[in-house]
């Protein structure tokens, strides 16, 4: 049976929501739709569009982009595969929560706007309804509270810590050798609490699920349990102040049997991730993670250290 475009189930609601959103002013001015229901419908359309567009990205765009990336990487030359990643090639990796903060605030503002429209237009009538309906309304309020709390918490973290940058000294990290670099922090970690470096490796699989009717394909990302996990604690005295930054040293031993980062023949890929966990003196928790390059450069080049190879 012919397979339907995987995102069709989400494209149709997007089209309908856009049509409704565009026609709301006409319904209000010419058809006599009351103001509060019109505003509530507009907020509902915006929330629905946000959910559907995110679903399109997660279900269709991201898996397709990653499958194409893995296909290109498998088909490309084996020479210096770590240079295909622009951040790896520059030896400069960044981590920020700005995207997450913006999404949470947009969702929270629209959610609370919808709650306010309902309360202003139908608040007294809702209070006179049966308790199951009142409980349902309280659930919506609770969702708004949790979303707002998450937005505020992540905003404080973003303002407090900003963008975290990691600089790689050994490109790539090689099996049986030390992976070295440093991380620039915008704060001095709490002296009484050790900063943790957690190095892990796992397999990420991109799979396709076909519905029972055979008419729809869905794409899934699945991260398997880590097959390597190591933690190192850094004392406060090891973190050096350099101007406005605090330099956290990174020196971790890569196991001698470490598989290389990137795609495998079965369509999966190996991810090596370095996570940093710390706490600021004012009690705010800090976390940042980076995907780092681990490759057997000797096997790739046949000789020598990869850092001596040209990067262009």
C-alpha atoms as a PDB file:
ATOM      1  CA  UNK A   1       0.000   0.000   0.000  1.00  0.00           C
ATOM      2  CA  UNK A   2       1.240   3.463  -0.821  1.00  0.00           C
ATOM      3  CA  UNK A   3       2.727   5.202   2.228  1.00  0.00           C
ATOM      4  CA  UNK A   4       1.178   8.559   3.110  1.00  0.00           C
ATOM      5  CA  UNK A   5       3.515  11.466   3.820  1.00  0.00           C
ATOM      6  CA  UNK A   6       4.446  11.024   7.519  1.00  0.00           C
ATOM      7  CA  UNK A   7       3.568  14.584   8.473  1.00  0.00           C
ATOM      8  CA  UNK A   8       0.151  14.682   6.802  1.00  0.00           C
ATOM      9  CA  UNK A   9      -1.584  14.042  10.112  1.00  0.00           C
ATOM     10  CA  UNK A  10       0.008  17.274  11.419  1.00  0.00           C
ATOM     11  CA  UNK A  11      -0.017  19.340   8.227  1.00  0.00           C
ATOM     12  CA  UNK A  12      -3.809  19.292   7.946  1.00  0.00           C
ATOM     13  CA  UNK A  13      -4.395  20.727  11.463  1.00  0.00           C
ATOM     14  CA  UNK A  14      -1.791  23.435  10.745  1.00  0.00           C
ATOM     15  CA  UNK A  15      -3.629  24.470   7.565  1.00  0.00           C
ATOM     16  CA  UNK A  16      -7.018  24.486   9.308  1.00  0.00           C
ATOM     17  CA  UNK A  17      -5.682  26.457  12.284  1.00  0.00           C
ATOM     18  CA  UNK A  18      -4.111  29.056  10.000  1.00  0.00           C
ATOM     19  CA  UNK A  19      -7.387  29.435   8.058  1.00  0.00           C
ATOM     20  CA  UNK A  20      -9.326  29.881  11.319  1.00  0.00           C
ATOM     21  CA  UNK A  21      -6.786  32.346  12.704  1.00  0.00           C
ATOM     22  CA  UNK A  22      -6.882  34.461   9.522  1.00  0.00           C
ATOM     23  CA  UNK A  23     -10.692  34.543   9.522  1.00  0.00           C
ATOM     24  CA  UNK A  24     -11.165  35.392  13.218  1.00  0.00           C
ATOM     25  CA  UNK A  25     -11.136  39.196  12.630  1.00  0.00           C
ATOM     26  CA  UNK A  26     -13.861  38.789  10.001  1.00  0.00           C
ATOM     27  CA  UNK A  27     -15.930  36.616  12.324  1.00  0.00           C
ATOM     28  CA  UNK A  28     -15.582  39.237  15.055  1.00  0.00           C
ATOM     29  CA  UNK A  29     -16.339  42.326  12.934  1.00  0.00           C
ATOM     30  CA  UNK A  30     -18.933  40.987  10.484  1.00  0.00           C
ATOM     31  CA  UNK A  31     -20.445  37.850  12.023  1.00  0.00           C
ATOM     32  CA  UNK A  32     -20.925  39.179  15.540  1.00  0.00           C
ATOM     33  CA  UNK A  33     -18.549  36.832  17.335  1.00  0.00           C
ATOM     34  CA  UNK A  34     -18.095  38.203  20.907  1.00  0.00           C
ATOM     35  CA  UNK A  35     -14.677  39.613  21.784  1.00  0.00           C
ATOM     36  CA  UNK A  36     -13.656  37.147  24.488  1.00  0.00           C
ATOM     37  CA  UNK A  37     -14.534  34.002  22.515  1.00  0.00           C
ATOM     38  CA  UNK A  38     -12.667  35.494  19.531  1.00  0.00           C
ATOM     39  CA  UNK A  39      -9.585  36.134  21.664  1.00  0.00           C
ATOM     40  CA  UNK A  40      -9.835  32.693  23.230  1.00  0.00           C
ATOM     41  CA  UNK A  41     -10.111  31.071  19.798  1.00  0.00           C
ATOM     42  CA  UNK A  42      -7.050  33.039  18.672  1.00  0.00           C
ATOM     43  CA  UNK A  43      -5.020  31.851  21.664  1.00  0.00           C
ATOM     44  CA  UNK A  44      -6.163  28.273  21.107  1.00  0.00           C
ATOM     45  CA  UNK A  45      -5.076  28.524  17.467  1.00  0.00           C
ATOM     46  CA  UNK A  46      -1.633  29.809  18.469  1.00  0.00           C
ATOM     47  CA  UNK A  47      -1.143  27.036  21.024  1.00  0.00           C
ATOM     48  CA  UNK A  48      -2.337  24.436  18.527  1.00  0.00           C
ATOM     49  CA  UNK A  49       0.010  25.796  15.841  1.00  0.00           C
ATOM     50  CA  UNK A  50       2.963  25.682  18.239  1.00  0.00           C
ATOM     51  CA  UNK A  51       2.235  22.069  19.186  1.00  0.00           C
ATOM     52  CA  UNK A  52       1.678  20.950  15.590  1.00  0.00           C
ATOM     53  CA  UNK A  53       4.784  22.720  14.255  1.00  0.00           C
ATOM     54  CA  UNK A  54       6.913  21.201  16.990  1.00  0.00           C
ATOM     55  CA  UNK A  55       5.392  17.824  16.160  1.00  0.00           C
ATOM     56  CA  UNK A  56       6.273  18.289  12.473  1.00  0.00           C
ATOM     57  CA  UNK A  57       9.856  19.057  13.428  1.00  0.00           C
ATOM     58  CA  UNK A  58      10.169  16.141  15.864  1.00  0.00           C
ATOM     59  CA  UNK A  59       8.354  13.569  13.746  1.00  0.00           C
ATOM     60  CA  UNK A  60       9.406  14.524  10.220  1.00  0.00           C
ATOM     61  CA  UNK A  61      12.145  17.121   9.857  1.00  0.00           C
ATOM     62  CA  UNK A  62      14.609  16.096  12.569  1.00  0.00           C
ATOM     63  CA  UNK A  63      14.629  12.348  11.737  1.00  0.00           C
ATOM     64  CA  UNK A  64      14.913  13.025   7.999  1.00  0.00           C
ATOM     65  CA  UNK A  65      17.713  15.523   8.530  1.00  0.00           C
ATOM     66  CA  UNK A  66      19.621  13.102  10.721  1.00  0.00           C
ATOM     67  CA  UNK A  67      19.108  10.141   8.372  1.00  0.00           C
ATOM     68  CA  UNK A  68      20.440  12.261   5.495  1.00  0.00           C
ATOM     69  CA  UNK A  69      23.369  13.394   7.631  1.00  0.00           C
ATOM     70  CA  UNK A  70      24.260   9.825   8.572  1.00  0.00           C
ATOM     71  CA  UNK A  71      23.949   8.743   4.941  1.00  0.00           C
ATOM     72  CA  UNK A  72      26.301  11.525   3.815  1.00  0.00           C
ATOM     73  CA  UNK A  73      28.806  10.714   6.538  1.00  0.00           C
ATOM     74  CA  UNK A  74      28.876   7.019   5.648  1.00  0.00           C
ATOM     75  CA  UNK A  75      29.318   7.846   1.963  1.00  0.00           C
ATOM     76  CA  UNK A  76      31.978  10.505   2.420  1.00  0.00           C
ATOM     77  CA  UNK A  77      35.739  10.056   2.626  1.00  0.00           C
ATOM     78  CA  UNK A  78      37.131   8.465   5.781  1.00  0.00           C
ATOM     79  CA  UNK A  79      39.868  11.107   5.992  1.00  0.00           C
ATOM     80  CA  UNK A  80      39.504  13.219   9.168  1.00  0.00           C
ATOM     81  CA  UNK A  81      35.766  12.531   9.699  1.00  0.00           C
ATOM     82  CA  UNK A  82      35.750  14.766  12.810  1.00  0.00           C
ATOM     83  CA  UNK A  83      36.255  17.813  10.573  1.00  0.00           C
ATOM     84  CA  UNK A  84      32.783  17.356   9.036  1.00  0.00           C
ATOM     85  CA  UNK A  85      31.341  18.801  12.248  1.00  0.00           C
ATOM     86  CA  UNK A  86      31.882  22.578  12.151  1.00  0.00           C
ATOM     87  CA  UNK A  87      32.112  22.963  15.917  1.00  0.00           C
ATOM     88  CA  UNK A  88      34.547  20.071  16.223  1.00  0.00           C
ATOM     89  CA  UNK A  89      36.663  21.476  13.393  1.00  0.00           C
ATOM     90  CA  UNK A  90      36.820  24.857  15.149  1.00  0.00           C
ATOM     91  CA  UNK A  91      37.664  23.127  18.463  1.00  0.00           C
ATOM     92  CA  UNK A  92      34.986  25.293  20.064  1.00  0.00           C
ATOM     93  CA  UNK A  93      31.689  23.880  21.360  1.00  0.00           C
ATOM     94  CA  UNK A  94      28.852  25.936  22.847  1.00  0.00           C
ATOM     95  CA  UNK A  95      25.900  25.214  25.112  1.00  0.00           C
ATOM     96  CA  UNK A  96      22.952  27.534  25.825  1.00  0.00           C
ATOM     97  CA  UNK A  97      19.368  27.252  27.084  1.00  0.00           C
ATOM     98  CA  UNK A  98      18.073  30.269  25.132  1.00  0.00           C
ATOM     99  CA  UNK A  99      15.946  28.206  22.712  1.00  0.00           C
ATOM    100  CA  UNK A 100      14.310  26.312  25.569  1.00  0.00           C
ATOM    101  CA  UNK A 101      13.655  29.545  27.470  1.00  0.00           C
ATOM    102  CA  UNK A 102      11.964  31.212  24.476  1.00  0.00           C
ATOM    103  CA  UNK A 103       9.746  28.189  23.818  1.00  0.00           C
ATOM    104  CA  UNK A 104       8.654  27.941  27.473  1.00  0.00           C
ATOM    105  CA  UNK A 105       7.786  31.643  27.679  1.00  0.00           C
ATOM    106  CA  UNK A 106       5.815  31.633  24.432  1.00  0.00           C
ATOM    107  CA  UNK A 107       3.861  28.599  25.568  1.00  0.00           C
ATOM    108  CA  UNK A 108       3.284  29.968  29.089  1.00  0.00           C
ATOM    109  CA  UNK A 109       2.123  33.394  27.869  1.00  0.00           C
ATOM    110  CA  UNK A 110      -0.355  31.893  25.422  1.00  0.00           C
ATOM    111  CA  UNK A 111      -1.592  29.358  27.968  1.00  0.00           C
ATOM    112  CA  UNK A 112      -2.245  31.983  30.658  1.00  0.00           C
ATOM    113  CA  UNK A 113      -3.831  34.327  28.114  1.00  0.00           C
ATOM    114  CA  UNK A 114      -6.293  31.568  27.235  1.00  0.00           C
ATOM    115  CA  UNK A 115      -7.036  30.967  30.936  1.00  0.00           C
ATOM    116  CA  UNK A 116      -7.603  34.688  31.484  1.00  0.00           C
ATOM    117  CA  UNK A 117      -9.985  34.950  28.519  1.00  0.00           C
ATOM    118  CA  UNK A 118     -12.060  32.021  29.820  1.00  0.00           C
ATOM    119  CA  UNK A 119     -12.090  33.355  33.392  1.00  0.00           C
ATOM    120  CA  UNK A 120     -13.095  36.852  32.287  1.00  0.00           C
ATOM    121  CA  UNK A 121     -15.865  35.660  29.978  1.00  0.00           C
ATOM    122  CA  UNK A 122     -17.184  32.560  31.735  1.00  0.00           C
ATOM    123  CA  UNK A 123     -15.652  32.599  35.215  1.00  0.00           C
ATOM    124  CA  UNK A 124     -18.897  32.932  37.191  1.00  0.00           C
ATOM    125  CA  UNK A 125     -20.654  30.272  35.124  1.00  0.00           C
ATOM    126  CA  UNK A 126     -17.764  27.809  35.593  1.00  0.00           C
ATOM    127  CA  UNK A 127     -17.923  28.206  39.389  1.00  0.00           C
ATOM    128  CA  UNK A 128     -21.587  27.180  39.249  1.00  0.00           C
ATOM    129  CA  UNK A 129     -20.876  23.968  37.337  1.00  0.00           C
ATOM    130  CA  UNK A 130     -20.432  20.460  38.749  1.00  0.00           C
ATOM    131  CA  UNK A 131     -17.182  19.612  40.554  1.00  0.00           C
ATOM    132  CA  UNK A 132     -15.728  17.409  37.739  1.00  0.00           C
ATOM    133  CA  UNK A 133     -15.730  20.434  35.389  1.00  0.00           C
ATOM    134  CA  UNK A 134     -14.200  22.635  38.090  1.00  0.00           C
ATOM    135  CA  UNK A 135     -11.470  20.023  38.696  1.00  0.00           C
ATOM    136  CA  UNK A 136     -10.771  19.919  34.955  1.00  0.00           C
ATOM    137  CA  UNK A 137     -10.366  23.706  34.917  1.00  0.00           C
ATOM    138  CA  UNK A 138      -8.009  23.484  37.899  1.00  0.00           C
ATOM    139  CA  UNK A 139      -5.904  20.949  35.966  1.00  0.00           C
ATOM    140  CA  UNK A 140      -5.490  23.507  33.183  1.00  0.00           C
ATOM    141  CA  UNK A 141      -4.467  26.103  35.776  1.00  0.00           C
ATOM    142  CA  UNK A 142      -1.974  23.631  37.276  1.00  0.00           C
ATOM    143  CA  UNK A 143      -0.435  23.048  33.835  1.00  0.00           C
ATOM    144  CA  UNK A 144      -0.053  26.811  33.506  1.00  0.00           C
ATOM    145  CA  UNK A 145       1.619  27.054  36.928  1.00  0.00           C
ATOM    146  CA  UNK A 146       4.096  24.266  36.104  1.00  0.00           C
ATOM    147  CA  UNK A 147       4.901  25.804  32.706  1.00  0.00           C
ATOM    148  CA  UNK A 148       5.399  29.252  34.216  1.00  0.00           C
ATOM    149  CA  UNK A 149       7.618  27.817  36.954  1.00  0.00           C
ATOM    150  CA  UNK A 150       9.735  26.020  34.340  1.00  0.00           C
ATOM    151  CA  UNK A 151      10.023  29.218  32.261  1.00  0.00           C
ATOM    152  CA  UNK A 152      11.117  31.284  35.263  1.00  0.00           C
ATOM    153  CA  UNK A 153      13.568  28.651  36.489  1.00  0.00           C
ATOM    154  CA  UNK A 154      15.197  28.199  33.088  1.00  0.00           C
ATOM    155  CA  UNK A 155      15.307  31.978  32.547  1.00  0.00           C
ATOM    156  CA  UNK A 156      17.152  32.459  35.839  1.00  0.00           C
ATOM    157  CA  UNK A 157      19.596  29.743  34.822  1.00  0.00           C
ATOM    158  CA  UNK A 158      20.132  31.299  31.379  1.00  0.00           C
ATOM    159  CA  UNK A 159      20.619  34.825  32.768  1.00  0.00           C
ATOM    160  CA  UNK A 160      22.903  33.536  35.517  1.00  0.00           C
ATOM    161  CA  UNK A 161      25.073  31.239  33.395  1.00  0.00           C
ATOM    162  CA  UNK A 162      24.623  32.471  29.810  1.00  0.00           C
ATOM    163  CA  UNK A 163      26.443  30.552  27.077  1.00  0.00           C
ATOM    164  CA  UNK A 164      29.020  27.971  28.149  1.00  0.00           C
ATOM    165  CA  UNK A 165      31.946  27.339  25.806  1.00  0.00           C
ATOM    166  CA  UNK A 166      34.244  24.347  25.642  1.00  0.00           C
ATOM    167  CA  UNK A 167      37.619  24.464  23.876  1.00  0.00           C
ATOM    168  CA  UNK A 168      39.197  21.224  22.640  1.00  0.00           C
ATOM    169  CA  UNK A 169      42.962  20.758  22.884  1.00  0.00           C
ATOM    170  CA  UNK A 170      43.168  17.203  21.527  1.00  0.00           C
ATOM    171  CA  UNK A 171      41.273  16.760  18.270  1.00  0.00           C
ATOM    172  CA  UNK A 172      40.042  14.109  18.142  1.00  0.00           C
ATOM    173  CA  UNK A 173      39.945  12.207  21.411  1.00  0.00           C
ATOM    174  CA  UNK A 174      41.598   8.855  20.674  1.00  0.00           C
ATOM    175  CA  UNK A 175      41.110   5.422  22.269  1.00  0.00           C
ATOM    176  CA  UNK A 176      43.601   4.769  25.046  1.00  0.00           C
ATOM    177  CA  UNK A 177      44.645   8.439  25.251  1.00  0.00           C
ATOM    178  CA  UNK A 178      43.610  11.517  27.211  1.00  0.00           C
ATOM    179  CA  UNK A 179      40.947  13.867  25.914  1.00  0.00           C
ATOM    180  CA  UNK A 180      42.021  17.370  26.920  1.00  0.00           C
ATOM    181  CA  UNK A 181      40.501  20.809  26.818  1.00  0.00           C
ATOM    182  CA  UNK A 182      38.859  23.340  29.064  1.00  0.00           C
ATOM    183  CA  UNK A 183      35.456  24.908  29.681  1.00  0.00           C
ATOM    184  CA  UNK A 184      34.906  28.613  30.256  1.00  0.00           C
ATOM    185  CA  UNK A 185      32.328  29.207  32.980  1.00  0.00           C
ATOM    186  CA  UNK A 186      30.722  32.577  33.618  1.00  0.00           C
ATOM    187  CA  UNK A 187      30.666  31.983  37.376  1.00  0.00           C
ATOM    188  CA  UNK A 188      32.877  30.595  40.121  1.00  0.00           C
ATOM    189  CA  UNK A 189      31.486  27.249  41.319  1.00  0.00           C
ATOM    190  CA  UNK A 190      30.620  26.821  44.971  1.00  0.00           C
ATOM    191  CA  UNK A 191      33.950  26.052  46.739  1.00  0.00           C
ATOM    192  CA  UNK A 192      32.413  23.436  49.016  1.00  0.00           C
ATOM    193  CA  UNK A 193      30.895  21.448  46.142  1.00  0.00           C
ATOM    194  CA  UNK A 194      32.971  19.509  43.629  1.00  0.00           C
ATOM    195  CA  UNK A 195      32.226  20.111  39.959  1.00  0.00           C
ATOM    196  CA  UNK A 196      31.464  16.833  38.187  1.00  0.00           C
ATOM    197  CA  UNK A 197      32.574  15.790  34.719  1.00  0.00           C
ATOM    198  CA  UNK A 198      30.532  12.871  33.427  1.00  0.00           C
ATOM    199  CA  UNK A 199      31.738  11.165  30.253  1.00  0.00           C
ATOM    200  CA  UNK A 200      29.344   8.673  28.700  1.00  0.00           C
ATOM    201  CA  UNK A 201      28.943   6.852  25.409  1.00  0.00           C
ATOM    202  CA  UNK A 202      25.757   5.388  23.981  1.00  0.00           C
ATOM    203  CA  UNK A 203      24.172   4.271  20.743  1.00  0.00           C
ATOM    204  CA  UNK A 204      21.461   6.417  19.168  1.00  0.00           C
ATOM    205  CA  UNK A 205      19.065   4.726  16.782  1.00  0.00           C
ATOM    206  CA  UNK A 206      16.716   6.330  14.266  1.00  0.00           C
ATOM    207  CA  UNK A 207      13.884   3.938  13.505  1.00  0.00           C
ATOM    208  CA  UNK A 208      10.677   3.962  11.490  1.00  0.00           C
ATOM    209  CA  UNK A 209       7.398   2.629  12.825  1.00  0.00           C
ATOM    210  CA  UNK A 210       4.704   1.634  10.361  1.00  0.00           C
ATOM    211  CA  UNK A 211       1.118   1.794  11.571  1.00  0.00           C
ATOM    212  CA  UNK A 212      -0.931  -1.395  11.565  1.00  0.00           C
ATOM    213  CA  UNK A 213      -2.802  -0.236   8.483  1.00  0.00           C
ATOM    214  CA  UNK A 214       0.516   0.300   6.696  1.00  0.00           C
ATOM    215  CA  UNK A 215      -0.545   3.803   5.728  1.00  0.00           C
ATOM    216  CA  UNK A 216       1.629   5.968   7.947  1.00  0.00           C
ATOM    217  CA  UNK A 217       5.293   6.027   8.897  1.00  0.00           C
ATOM    218  CA  UNK A 218       6.534   7.577  12.091  1.00  0.00           C
ATOM    219  CA  UNK A 219      10.174   8.293  12.950  1.00  0.00           C
ATOM    220  CA  UNK A 220      11.624   7.702  16.406  1.00  0.00           C
ATOM    221  CA  UNK A 221      14.885   8.564  18.094  1.00  0.00           C
ATOM    222  CA  UNK A 222      15.978   6.101  20.729  1.00  0.00           C
ATOM    223  CA  UNK A 223      19.051   6.510  22.937  1.00  0.00           C
ATOM    224  CA  UNK A 224      20.201   3.192  24.369  1.00  0.00           C
ATOM    225  CA  UNK A 225      21.620   2.840  27.865  1.00  0.00           C
ATOM    226  CA  UNK A 226      25.267   4.029  28.035  1.00  0.00           C
ATOM    227  CA  UNK A 227      27.847   1.315  27.397  1.00  0.00           C
ATOM    228  CA  UNK A 228      30.488   3.546  28.998  1.00  0.00           C
ATOM    229  CA  UNK A 229      30.028   5.873  31.956  1.00  0.00           C
ATOM    230  CA  UNK A 230      32.756   7.618  33.937  1.00  0.00           C
ATOM    231  CA  UNK A 231      32.667  10.444  36.479  1.00  0.00           C
ATOM    232  CA  UNK A 232      35.490  12.722  37.560  1.00  0.00           C
ATOM    233  CA  UNK A 233      35.308  15.354  40.303  1.00  0.00           C
ATOM    234  CA  UNK A 234      37.123  18.674  39.998  1.00  0.00           C
ATOM    235  CA  UNK A 235      38.086  20.592  43.128  1.00  0.00           C
ATOM    236  CA  UNK A 236      37.428  24.317  43.320  1.00  0.00           C
ATOM    237  CA  UNK A 237      41.176  25.022  43.545  1.00  0.00           C
ATOM    238  CA  UNK A 238      41.674  23.493  40.067  1.00  0.00           C
ATOM    239  CA  UNK A 239      39.355  26.065  38.468  1.00  0.00           C
ATOM    240  CA  UNK A 240      41.385  29.121  37.504  1.00  0.00           C
ATOM    241  CA  UNK A 241      40.064  32.660  37.067  1.00  0.00           C
ATOM    242  CA  UNK A 242      41.004  34.245  33.715  1.00  0.00           C
ATOM    243  CA  UNK A 243      39.509  37.711  33.482  1.00  0.00           C
ATOM    244  CA  UNK A 244      35.716  37.421  33.457  1.00  0.00           C
ATOM    245  CA  UNK A 245      35.826  33.648  32.956  1.00  0.00           C
ATOM    246  CA  UNK A 246      36.588  30.688  35.188  1.00  0.00           C
ATOM    247  CA  UNK A 247      38.514  27.974  33.376  1.00  0.00           C
ATOM    248  CA  UNK A 248      37.503  24.395  34.181  1.00  0.00           C
ATOM    249  CA  UNK A 249      40.154  21.888  33.051  1.00  0.00           C
ATOM    250  CA  UNK A 250      39.056  18.797  31.128  1.00  0.00           C
ATOM    251  CA  UNK A 251      41.382  15.781  31.125  1.00  0.00           C
ATOM    252  CA  UNK A 252      39.661  12.430  30.720  1.00  0.00           C
ATOM    253  CA  UNK A 253      40.996   9.030  29.720  1.00  0.00           C
ATOM    254  CA  UNK A 254      39.285   7.502  26.693  1.00  0.00           C
ATOM    255  CA  UNK A 255      39.053   3.688  27.035  1.00  0.00           C
ATOM    256  CA  UNK A 256      41.316   1.728  24.697  1.00  0.00           C
ATOM    257  CA  UNK A 257      38.374  -0.157  23.128  1.00  0.00           C
ATOM    258  CA  UNK A 258      36.301   2.988  22.514  1.00  0.00           C
ATOM    259  CA  UNK A 259      34.281   2.903  19.270  1.00  0.00           C
ATOM    260  CA  UNK A 260      34.469   5.971  17.048  1.00  0.00           C
ATOM    261  CA  UNK A 261      31.837   8.682  17.103  1.00  0.00           C
ATOM    262  CA  UNK A 262      29.391   8.871  14.238  1.00  0.00           C
ATOM    263  CA  UNK A 263      27.373   6.522  12.033  1.00  0.00           C
ATOM    264  CA  UNK A 264      27.551   2.734  11.922  1.00  0.00           C
ATOM    265  CA  UNK A 265      26.610   0.322   9.156  1.00  0.00           C
ATOM    266  CA  UNK A 266      23.243  -0.524  10.753  1.00  0.00           C
ATOM    267  CA  UNK A 267      22.033   3.094  10.526  1.00  0.00           C
ATOM    268  CA  UNK A 268      22.670   3.929  14.183  1.00  0.00           C
ATOM    269  CA  UNK A 269      25.363   6.252  15.502  1.00  0.00           C
ATOM    270  CA  UNK A 270      27.718   6.364  18.473  1.00  0.00           C
ATOM    271  CA  UNK A 271      27.509   9.453  20.680  1.00  0.00           C
ATOM    272  CA  UNK A 272      30.207  10.471  23.159  1.00  0.00           C
ATOM    273  CA  UNK A 273      28.812  13.054  25.569  1.00  0.00           C
ATOM    274  CA  UNK A 274      30.534  15.122  28.235  1.00  0.00           C
ATOM    275  CA  UNK A 275      28.214  16.552  30.878  1.00  0.00           C
ATOM    276  CA  UNK A 276      29.243  19.157  33.434  1.00  0.00           C
ATOM    277  CA  UNK A 277      27.368  19.483  36.728  1.00  0.00           C
ATOM    278  CA  UNK A 278      28.085  22.220  39.237  1.00  0.00           C
ATOM    279  CA  UNK A 279      26.498  24.736  41.599  1.00  0.00           C
ATOM    280  CA  UNK A 280      26.987  28.475  41.996  1.00  0.00           C
ATOM    281  CA  UNK A 281      27.581  30.112  45.409  1.00  0.00           C
ATOM    282  CA  UNK A 282      23.977  31.391  45.422  1.00  0.00           C
ATOM    283  CA  UNK A 283      22.694  27.811  45.194  1.00  0.00           C
ATOM    284  CA  UNK A 284      21.672  27.673  41.514  1.00  0.00           C
ATOM    285  CA  UNK A 285      22.349  24.315  39.861  1.00  0.00           C
ATOM    286  CA  UNK A 286      24.326  24.355  36.624  1.00  0.00           C
ATOM    287  CA  UNK A 287      24.480  21.753  33.878  1.00  0.00           C
ATOM    288  CA  UNK A 288      25.845  21.736  30.353  1.00  0.00           C
ATOM    289  CA  UNK A 289      26.564  18.925  27.914  1.00  0.00           C
ATOM    290  CA  UNK A 290      28.685  18.610  24.794  1.00  0.00           C
ATOM    291  CA  UNK A 291      29.038  15.918  22.143  1.00  0.00           C
ATOM    292  CA  UNK A 292      32.753  15.322  21.772  1.00  0.00           C
ATOM    293  CA  UNK A 293      34.717  13.673  18.918  1.00  0.00           C
ATOM    294  CA  UNK A 294      36.260  10.271  19.651  1.00  0.00           C
ATOM    295  CA  UNK A 295      38.004   8.581  16.704  1.00  0.00           C
ATOM    296  CA  UNK A 296      40.850   6.157  16.136  1.00  0.00           C
ATOM    297  CA  UNK A 297      42.880   8.683  14.146  1.00  0.00           C
ATOM    298  CA  UNK A 298      45.721   6.197  13.607  1.00  0.00           C
ATOM    299  CA  UNK A 299      43.349   3.818  11.842  1.00  0.00           C
ATOM    300  CA  UNK A 300      41.877   6.653   9.784  1.00  0.00           C
ATOM    301  CA  UNK A 301      45.159   8.200   8.666  1.00  0.00           C
ATOM    302  CA  UNK A 302      47.391   5.202   9.002  1.00  0.00           C
ATOM    303  CA  UNK A 303      50.022   7.259  10.843  1.00  0.00           C
ATOM    304  CA  UNK A 304      50.641   9.998  13.348  1.00  0.00           C
ATOM    305  CA  UNK A 305      48.594  12.241  15.575  1.00  0.00           C
ATOM    306  CA  UNK A 306      45.454  13.845  14.159  1.00  0.00           C
ATOM    307  CA  UNK A 307      46.323  17.209  15.688  1.00  0.00           C
ATOM    308  CA  UNK A 308      49.278  17.446  13.311  1.00  0.00           C
ATOM    309  CA  UNK A 309      47.002  17.134  10.294  1.00  0.00           C
ATOM    310  CA  UNK A 310      45.802  20.204   8.446  1.00  0.00           C
ATOM    311  CA  UNK A 311      42.246  21.334   9.275  1.00  0.00           C
ATOM    312  CA  UNK A 312      41.381  22.681   5.878  1.00  0.00           C
END
